[in-house]
């Protein structure tokens, strides 16, 4: 299941000290947990993929806005 894979990847990132990847995985896991708590359900892999796509789209949309406003501090 994807949740277990994400947890395993998170552990590996922490061992390798890969901060960017660790932050991304933590963001995805937090979004998954938030949906599960809000709706009081356990998500399957397809629903988790939908959440990942939604979070990715949010970040891409924000990136364009940050670039337009010249906010380099928020891009990194």
PDB file of N, CA and C in Angstrom:
ATOM      1  N   UNK A   1       0.840  -1.186   0.000  1.00  0.00           N
ATOM      2  CA  UNK A   1       0.000   0.000   0.000  1.00  0.00           C
ATOM      3  C   UNK A   1       0.881   1.245   0.000  1.00  0.00           C
ATOM      4  N   UNK A   2       0.389   2.306  -0.554  1.00  0.00           N
ATOM      5  CA  UNK A   2       1.185   3.524  -0.704  1.00  0.00           C
ATOM      6  C   UNK A   2       1.569   4.158   0.628  1.00  0.00           C
ATOM      7  N   UNK A   3       0.706   4.093   1.621  1.00  0.00           N
ATOM      8  CA  UNK A   3       1.035   4.703   2.918  1.00  0.00           C
ATOM      9  C   UNK A   3       2.277   4.048   3.523  1.00  0.00           C
ATOM     10  N   UNK A   4       2.367   2.736   3.427  1.00  0.00           N
ATOM     11  CA  UNK A   4       3.536   2.043   3.955  1.00  0.00           C
ATOM     12  C   UNK A   4       4.788   2.395   3.152  1.00  0.00           C
ATOM     13  N   UNK A   5       4.634   2.523   1.834  1.00  0.00           N
ATOM     14  CA  UNK A   5       5.762   2.892   0.974  1.00  0.00           C
ATOM     15  C   UNK A   5       6.254   4.302   1.310  1.00  0.00           C
ATOM     16  N   UNK A   6       5.321   5.211   1.550  1.00  0.00           N
ATOM     17  CA  UNK A   6       5.710   6.573   1.919  1.00  0.00           C
ATOM     18  C   UNK A   6       6.464   6.587   3.243  1.00  0.00           C
ATOM     19  N   UNK A   7       6.009   5.802   4.202  1.00  0.00           N
ATOM     20  CA  UNK A   7       6.679   5.739   5.494  1.00  0.00           C
ATOM     21  C   UNK A   7       8.088   5.166   5.345  1.00  0.00           C
ATOM     22  N   UNK A   8       8.220   4.134   4.537  1.00  0.00           N
ATOM     23  CA  UNK A   8       9.534   3.539   4.286  1.00  0.00           C
ATOM     24  C   UNK A   8      10.468   4.542   3.605  1.00  0.00           C
ATOM     25  N   UNK A   9       9.951   5.261   2.603  1.00  0.00           N
ATOM     26  CA  UNK A   9      10.744   6.278   1.917  1.00  0.00           C
ATOM     27  C   UNK A   9      11.142   7.406   2.858  1.00  0.00           C
ATOM     28  N   UNK A  10      10.246   7.769   3.763  1.00  0.00           N
ATOM     29  CA  UNK A  10      10.551   8.818   4.730  1.00  0.00           C
ATOM     30  C   UNK A  10      11.721   8.400   5.623  1.00  0.00           C
ATOM     31  N   UNK A  11      11.688   7.177   6.083  1.00  0.00           N
ATOM     32  CA  UNK A  11      12.777   6.669   6.925  1.00  0.00           C
ATOM     33  C   UNK A  11      14.099   6.682   6.165  1.00  0.00           C
ATOM     34  N   UNK A  12      14.061   6.256   4.897  1.00  0.00           N
ATOM     35  CA  UNK A  12      15.289   6.252   4.089  1.00  0.00           C
ATOM     36  C   UNK A  12      15.825   7.660   3.870  1.00  0.00           C
ATOM     37  N   UNK A  13      14.945   8.602   3.626  1.00  0.00           N
ATOM     38  CA  UNK A  13      15.361   9.988   3.416  1.00  0.00           C
ATOM     39  C   UNK A  13      16.006  10.564   4.667  1.00  0.00           C
ATOM     40  N   UNK A  14      15.453  10.218   5.803  1.00  0.00           N
ATOM     41  CA  UNK A  14      16.013  10.706   7.055  1.00  0.00           C
ATOM     42  C   UNK A  14      17.407  10.113   7.283  1.00  0.00           C
ATOM     43  N   UNK A  15      17.588   8.848   6.937  1.00  0.00           N
ATOM     44  CA  UNK A  15      18.908   8.227   7.080  1.00  0.00           C
ATOM     45  C   UNK A  15      19.916   8.858   6.137  1.00  0.00           C
ATOM     46  N   UNK A  16      19.455   9.158   4.906  1.00  0.00           N
ATOM     47  CA  UNK A  16      20.333   9.740   3.888  1.00  0.00           C
ATOM     48  C   UNK A  16      20.489  11.247   4.035  1.00  0.00           C
ATOM     49  N   UNK A  17      19.729  11.854   4.958  1.00  0.00           N
ATOM     50  CA  UNK A  17      19.733  13.303   5.187  1.00  0.00           C
ATOM     51  C   UNK A  17      19.340  14.084   3.931  1.00  0.00           C
ATOM     52  N   UNK A  18      18.376  13.534   3.187  1.00  0.00           N
ATOM     53  CA  UNK A  18      17.835  14.190   1.998  1.00  0.00           C
ATOM     54  C   UNK A  18      16.651  15.049   2.448  1.00  0.00           C
ATOM     55  N   UNK A  19      16.922  16.289   2.759  1.00  0.00           N
ATOM     56  CA  UNK A  19      15.939  17.166   3.396  1.00  0.00           C
ATOM     57  C   UNK A  19      14.776  17.495   2.468  1.00  0.00           C
ATOM     58  N   UNK A  20      15.048  17.783   1.211  1.00  0.00           N
ATOM     59  CA  UNK A  20      13.981  18.159   0.273  1.00  0.00           C
ATOM     60  C   UNK A  20      12.990  17.015   0.100  1.00  0.00           C
ATOM     61  N   UNK A  21      13.508  15.831  -0.144  1.00  0.00           N
ATOM     62  CA  UNK A  21      12.636  14.674  -0.337  1.00  0.00           C
ATOM     63  C   UNK A  21      11.855  14.360   0.941  1.00  0.00           C
ATOM     64  N   UNK A  22      12.509  14.486   2.087  1.00  0.00           N
ATOM     65  CA  UNK A  22      11.851  14.243   3.368  1.00  0.00           C
ATOM     66  C   UNK A  22      10.688  15.212   3.559  1.00  0.00           C
ATOM     67  N   UNK A  23      10.916  16.484   3.239  1.00  0.00           N
ATOM     68  CA  UNK A  23       9.862  17.487   3.388  1.00  0.00           C
ATOM     69  C   UNK A  23       8.675  17.206   2.470  1.00  0.00           C
ATOM     70  N   UNK A  24       8.945  16.768   1.260  1.00  0.00           N
ATOM     71  CA  UNK A  24       7.873  16.453   0.317  1.00  0.00           C
ATOM     72  C   UNK A  24       7.044  15.279   0.821  1.00  0.00           C
ATOM     73  N   UNK A  25       7.716  14.242   1.287  1.00  0.00           N
ATOM     74  CA  UNK A  25       6.999  13.067   1.784  1.00  0.00           C
ATOM     75  C   UNK A  25       6.181  13.420   3.022  1.00  0.00           C
ATOM     76  N   UNK A  26       6.739  14.233   3.899  1.00  0.00           N
ATOM     77  CA  UNK A  26       5.993  14.648   5.086  1.00  0.00           C
ATOM     78  C   UNK A  26       4.758  15.457   4.706  1.00  0.00           C
ATOM     79  N   UNK A  27       4.884  16.305   3.697  1.00  0.00           N
ATOM     80  CA  UNK A  27       3.748  17.105   3.236  1.00  0.00           C
ATOM     81  C   UNK A  27       2.644  16.206   2.686  1.00  0.00           C
ATOM     82  N   UNK A  28       3.028  15.205   1.916  1.00  0.00           N
ATOM     83  CA  UNK A  28       2.051  14.282   1.346  1.00  0.00           C
ATOM     84  C   UNK A  28       1.375  13.468   2.447  1.00  0.00           C
ATOM     85  N   UNK A  29       2.161  12.971   3.378  1.00  0.00           N
ATOM     86  CA  UNK A  29       1.591  12.182   4.477  1.00  0.00           C
ATOM     87  C   UNK A  29       0.646  13.030   5.330  1.00  0.00           C
ATOM     88  N   UNK A  30       1.001  14.284   5.546  1.00  0.00           N
ATOM     89  CA  UNK A  30       0.132  15.165   6.325  1.00  0.00           C
ATOM     90  C   UNK A  30      -1.194  15.404   5.606  1.00  0.00           C
ATOM     91  N   UNK A  31      -1.146  15.580   4.296  1.00  0.00           N
ATOM     92  CA  UNK A  31      -2.370  15.787   3.523  1.00  0.00           C
ATOM     93  C   UNK A  31      -3.254  14.543   3.574  1.00  0.00           C
ATOM     94  N   UNK A  32      -2.637  13.377   3.490  1.00  0.00           N
ATOM     95  CA  UNK A  32      -3.392  12.116   3.555  1.00  0.00           C
ATOM     96  C   UNK A  32      -4.060  11.976   4.921  1.00  0.00           C
ATOM     97  N   UNK A  33      -3.299  12.217   5.976  1.00  0.00           N
ATOM     98  CA  UNK A  33      -3.846  12.097   7.331  1.00  0.00           C
ATOM     99  C   UNK A  33      -4.967  13.105   7.575  1.00  0.00           C
ATOM    100  N   UNK A  34      -4.815  14.303   7.024  1.00  0.00           N
ATOM    101  CA  UNK A  34      -5.849  15.325   7.200  1.00  0.00           C
ATOM    102  C   UNK A  34      -7.163  14.894   6.555  1.00  0.00           C
ATOM    103  N   UNK A  35      -7.096  14.356   5.348  1.00  0.00           N
ATOM    104  CA  UNK A  35      -8.303  13.896   4.662  1.00  0.00           C
ATOM    105  C   UNK A  35      -8.930  12.735   5.427  1.00  0.00           C
ATOM    106  N   UNK A  36      -8.089  11.824   5.892  1.00  0.00           N
ATOM    107  CA  UNK A  36      -8.618  10.680   6.637  1.00  0.00           C
ATOM    108  C   UNK A  36      -9.311  11.116   7.925  1.00  0.00           C
ATOM    109  N   UNK A  37      -8.740  12.085   8.605  1.00  0.00           N
ATOM    110  CA  UNK A  37      -9.361  12.570   9.843  1.00  0.00           C
ATOM    111  C   UNK A  37     -10.635  13.349   9.562  1.00  0.00           C
ATOM    112  N   UNK A  38     -10.604  14.199   8.552  1.00  0.00           N
ATOM    113  CA  UNK A  38     -11.774  15.018   8.228  1.00  0.00           C
ATOM    114  C   UNK A  38     -12.967  14.156   7.807  1.00  0.00           C
ATOM    115  N   UNK A  39     -12.698  13.175   6.970  1.00  0.00           N
ATOM    116  CA  UNK A  39     -13.781  12.342   6.441  1.00  0.00           C
ATOM    117  C   UNK A  39     -13.997  11.063   7.247  1.00  0.00           C
ATOM    118  N   UNK A  40     -13.113  10.796   8.192  1.00  0.00           N
ATOM    119  CA  UNK A  40     -13.170   9.599   9.031  1.00  0.00           C
ATOM    120  C   UNK A  40     -13.257   8.333   8.196  1.00  0.00           C
ATOM    121  N   UNK A  41     -12.317   8.225   7.257  1.00  0.00           N
ATOM    122  CA  UNK A  41     -12.227   7.065   6.382  1.00  0.00           C
ATOM    123  C   UNK A  41     -10.759   6.642   6.273  1.00  0.00           C
ATOM    124  N   UNK A  42     -10.550   5.454   5.737  1.00  0.00           N
ATOM    125  CA  UNK A  42      -9.211   5.001   5.390  1.00  0.00           C
ATOM    126  C   UNK A  42      -9.112   5.027   3.875  1.00  0.00           C
ATOM    127  N   UNK A  43      -8.131   5.750   3.374  1.00  0.00           N
ATOM    128  CA  UNK A  43      -8.005   5.942   1.928  1.00  0.00           C
ATOM    129  C   UNK A  43      -7.317   4.757   1.269  1.00  0.00           C
ATOM    130  N   UNK A  44      -7.742   4.457   0.041  1.00  0.00           N
ATOM    131  CA  UNK A  44      -7.064   3.427  -0.735  1.00  0.00           C
ATOM    132  C   UNK A  44      -6.013   4.094  -1.630  1.00  0.00           C
ATOM    133  N   UNK A  45      -5.280   3.291  -2.365  1.00  0.00           N
ATOM    134  CA  UNK A  45      -4.172   3.818  -3.165  1.00  0.00           C
ATOM    135  C   UNK A  45      -4.627   4.832  -4.214  1.00  0.00           C
ATOM    136  N   UNK A  46      -5.768   4.598  -4.861  1.00  0.00           N
ATOM    137  CA  UNK A  46      -6.256   5.542  -5.874  1.00  0.00           C
ATOM    138  C   UNK A  46      -6.585   6.897  -5.259  1.00  0.00           C
ATOM    139  N   UNK A  47      -7.174   6.897  -4.090  1.00  0.00           N
ATOM    140  CA  UNK A  47      -7.493   8.149  -3.420  1.00  0.00           C
ATOM    141  C   UNK A  47      -6.217   8.868  -2.984  1.00  0.00           C
ATOM    142  N   UNK A  48      -5.224   8.109  -2.571  1.00  0.00           N
ATOM    143  CA  UNK A  48      -3.946   8.708  -2.174  1.00  0.00           C
ATOM    144  C   UNK A  48      -3.267   9.349  -3.380  1.00  0.00           C
ATOM    145  N   UNK A  49      -3.335   8.686  -4.521  1.00  0.00           N
ATOM    146  CA  UNK A  49      -2.762   9.256  -5.752  1.00  0.00           C
ATOM    147  C   UNK A  49      -3.471  10.557  -6.109  1.00  0.00           C
ATOM    148  N   UNK A  50      -4.789  10.604  -5.934  1.00  0.00           N
ATOM    149  CA  UNK A  50      -5.539  11.833  -6.193  1.00  0.00           C
ATOM    150  C   UNK A  50      -5.078  12.960  -5.270  1.00  0.00           C
ATOM    151  N   UNK A  51      -4.819  12.650  -4.015  1.00  0.00           N
ATOM    152  CA  UNK A  51      -4.353  13.664  -3.064  1.00  0.00           C
ATOM    153  C   UNK A  51      -2.968  14.165  -3.465  1.00  0.00           C
ATOM    154  N   UNK A  52      -2.097  13.256  -3.871  1.00  0.00           N
ATOM    155  CA  UNK A  52      -0.752  13.651  -4.306  1.00  0.00           C
ATOM    156  C   UNK A  52      -0.846  14.582  -5.514  1.00  0.00           C
ATOM    157  N   UNK A  53      -1.701  14.249  -6.469  1.00  0.00           N
ATOM    158  CA  UNK A  53      -1.878  15.098  -7.656  1.00  0.00           C
ATOM    159  C   UNK A  53      -2.423  16.469  -7.268  1.00  0.00           C
ATOM    160  N   UNK A  54      -3.364  16.498  -6.352  1.00  0.00           N
ATOM    161  CA  UNK A  54      -3.948  17.760  -5.898  1.00  0.00           C
ATOM    162  C   UNK A  54      -2.905  18.633  -5.212  1.00  0.00           C
ATOM    163  N   UNK A  55      -2.099  18.039  -4.342  1.00  0.00           N
ATOM    164  CA  UNK A  55      -1.058  18.792  -3.640  1.00  0.00           C
ATOM    165  C   UNK A  55      -0.003  19.306  -4.621  1.00  0.00           C
ATOM    166  N   UNK A  56       0.342  18.490  -5.600  1.00  0.00           N
ATOM    167  CA  UNK A  56       1.306  18.905  -6.610  1.00  0.00           C
ATOM    168  C   UNK A  56       0.784  20.091  -7.408  1.00  0.00           C
ATOM    169  N   UNK A  57      -0.482  20.040  -7.801  1.00  0.00           N
ATOM    170  CA  UNK A  57      -1.090  21.132  -8.554  1.00  0.00           C
ATOM    171  C   UNK A  57      -1.097  22.416  -7.725  1.00  0.00           C
ATOM    172  N   UNK A  58      -1.405  22.302  -6.445  1.00  0.00           N
ATOM    173  CA  UNK A  58      -1.395  23.482  -5.572  1.00  0.00           C
ATOM    174  C   UNK A  58      -0.022  24.140  -5.557  1.00  0.00           C
ATOM    175  N   UNK A  59       1.024  23.318  -5.452  1.00  0.00           N
ATOM    176  CA  UNK A  59       2.385  23.855  -5.391  1.00  0.00           C
ATOM    177  C   UNK A  59       2.782  24.500  -6.709  1.00  0.00           C
ATOM    178  N   UNK A  60       2.403  23.876  -7.828  1.00  0.00           N
ATOM    179  CA  UNK A  60       2.736  24.445  -9.140  1.00  0.00           C
ATOM    180  C   UNK A  60       2.032  25.777  -9.350  1.00  0.00           C
ATOM    181  N   UNK A  61       0.765  25.863  -8.947  1.00  0.00           N
ATOM    182  CA  UNK A  61       0.022  27.112  -9.086  1.00  0.00           C
ATOM    183  C   UNK A  61       0.633  28.210  -8.220  1.00  0.00           C
ATOM    184  N   UNK A  62       1.034  27.858  -7.027  1.00  0.00           N
ATOM    185  CA  UNK A  62       1.648  28.827  -6.125  1.00  0.00           C
ATOM    186  C   UNK A  62       2.985  29.307  -6.657  1.00  0.00           C
ATOM    187  N   UNK A  63       3.737  28.413  -7.279  1.00  0.00           N
ATOM    188  CA  UNK A  63       5.040  28.764  -7.818  1.00  0.00           C
ATOM    189  C   UNK A  63       4.925  29.887  -8.843  1.00  0.00           C
ATOM    190  N   UNK A  64       3.948  29.796  -9.725  1.00  0.00           N
ATOM    191  CA  UNK A  64       3.755  30.839 -10.733  1.00  0.00           C
ATOM    192  C   UNK A  64       3.435  32.176 -10.074  1.00  0.00           C
ATOM    193  N   UNK A  65       2.608  32.163  -9.038  1.00  0.00           N
ATOM    194  CA  UNK A  65       2.276  33.395  -8.335  1.00  0.00           C
ATOM    195  C   UNK A  65       3.494  33.975  -7.628  1.00  0.00           C
ATOM    196  N   UNK A  66       4.303  33.128  -7.023  1.00  0.00           N
ATOM    197  CA  UNK A  66       5.504  33.594  -6.330  1.00  0.00           C
ATOM    198  C   UNK A  66       6.501  34.199  -7.308  1.00  0.00           C
ATOM    199  N   UNK A  67       6.631  33.580  -8.488  1.00  0.00           N
ATOM    200  CA  UNK A  67       7.556  34.114  -9.490  1.00  0.00           C
ATOM    201  C   UNK A  67       7.086  35.471 -10.003  1.00  0.00           C
ATOM    202  N   UNK A  68       5.785  35.628 -10.214  1.00  0.00           N
ATOM    203  CA  UNK A  68       5.237  36.899 -10.691  1.00  0.00           C
ATOM    204  C   UNK A  68       5.488  38.014  -9.685  1.00  0.00           C
ATOM    205  N   UNK A  69       5.342  37.694  -8.412  1.00  0.00           N
ATOM    206  CA  UNK A  69       5.500  38.721  -7.373  1.00  0.00           C
ATOM    207  C   UNK A  69       6.945  38.893  -6.936  1.00  0.00           C
ATOM    208  N   UNK A  70       7.858  38.096  -7.494  1.00  0.00           N
ATOM    209  CA  UNK A  70       9.267  38.238  -7.168  1.00  0.00           C
ATOM    210  C   UNK A  70       9.621  37.741  -5.782  1.00  0.00           C
ATOM    211  N   UNK A  71       8.895  36.790  -5.271  1.00  0.00           N
ATOM    212  CA  UNK A  71       9.135  36.266  -3.922  1.00  0.00           C
ATOM    213  C   UNK A  71      10.069  35.062  -3.973  1.00  0.00           C
ATOM    214  N   UNK A  72      11.333  35.306  -4.186  1.00  0.00           N
ATOM    215  CA  UNK A  72      12.329  34.236  -4.252  1.00  0.00           C
ATOM    216  C   UNK A  72      12.439  33.479  -2.936  1.00  0.00           C
ATOM    217  N   UNK A  73      12.145  34.138  -1.826  1.00  0.00           N
ATOM    218  CA  UNK A  73      12.232  33.479  -0.524  1.00  0.00           C
ATOM    219  C   UNK A  73      11.199  32.373  -0.388  1.00  0.00           C
ATOM    220  N   UNK A  74      10.061  32.486  -1.059  1.00  0.00           N
ATOM    221  CA  UNK A  74       9.021  31.476  -0.979  1.00  0.00           C
ATOM    222  C   UNK A  74       9.225  30.363  -2.012  1.00  0.00           C
ATOM    223  N   UNK A  75       9.999  30.615  -3.037  1.00  0.00           N
ATOM    224  CA  UNK A  75      10.225  29.626  -4.073  1.00  0.00           C
ATOM    225  C   UNK A  75      11.138  28.517  -3.556  1.00  0.00           C
ATOM    226  N   UNK A  76      12.123  28.866  -2.778  1.00  0.00           N
ATOM    227  CA  UNK A  76      13.085  27.859  -2.291  1.00  0.00           C
ATOM    228  C   UNK A  76      12.536  27.082  -1.207  1.00  0.00           C
TER     229      UNK A  76
END
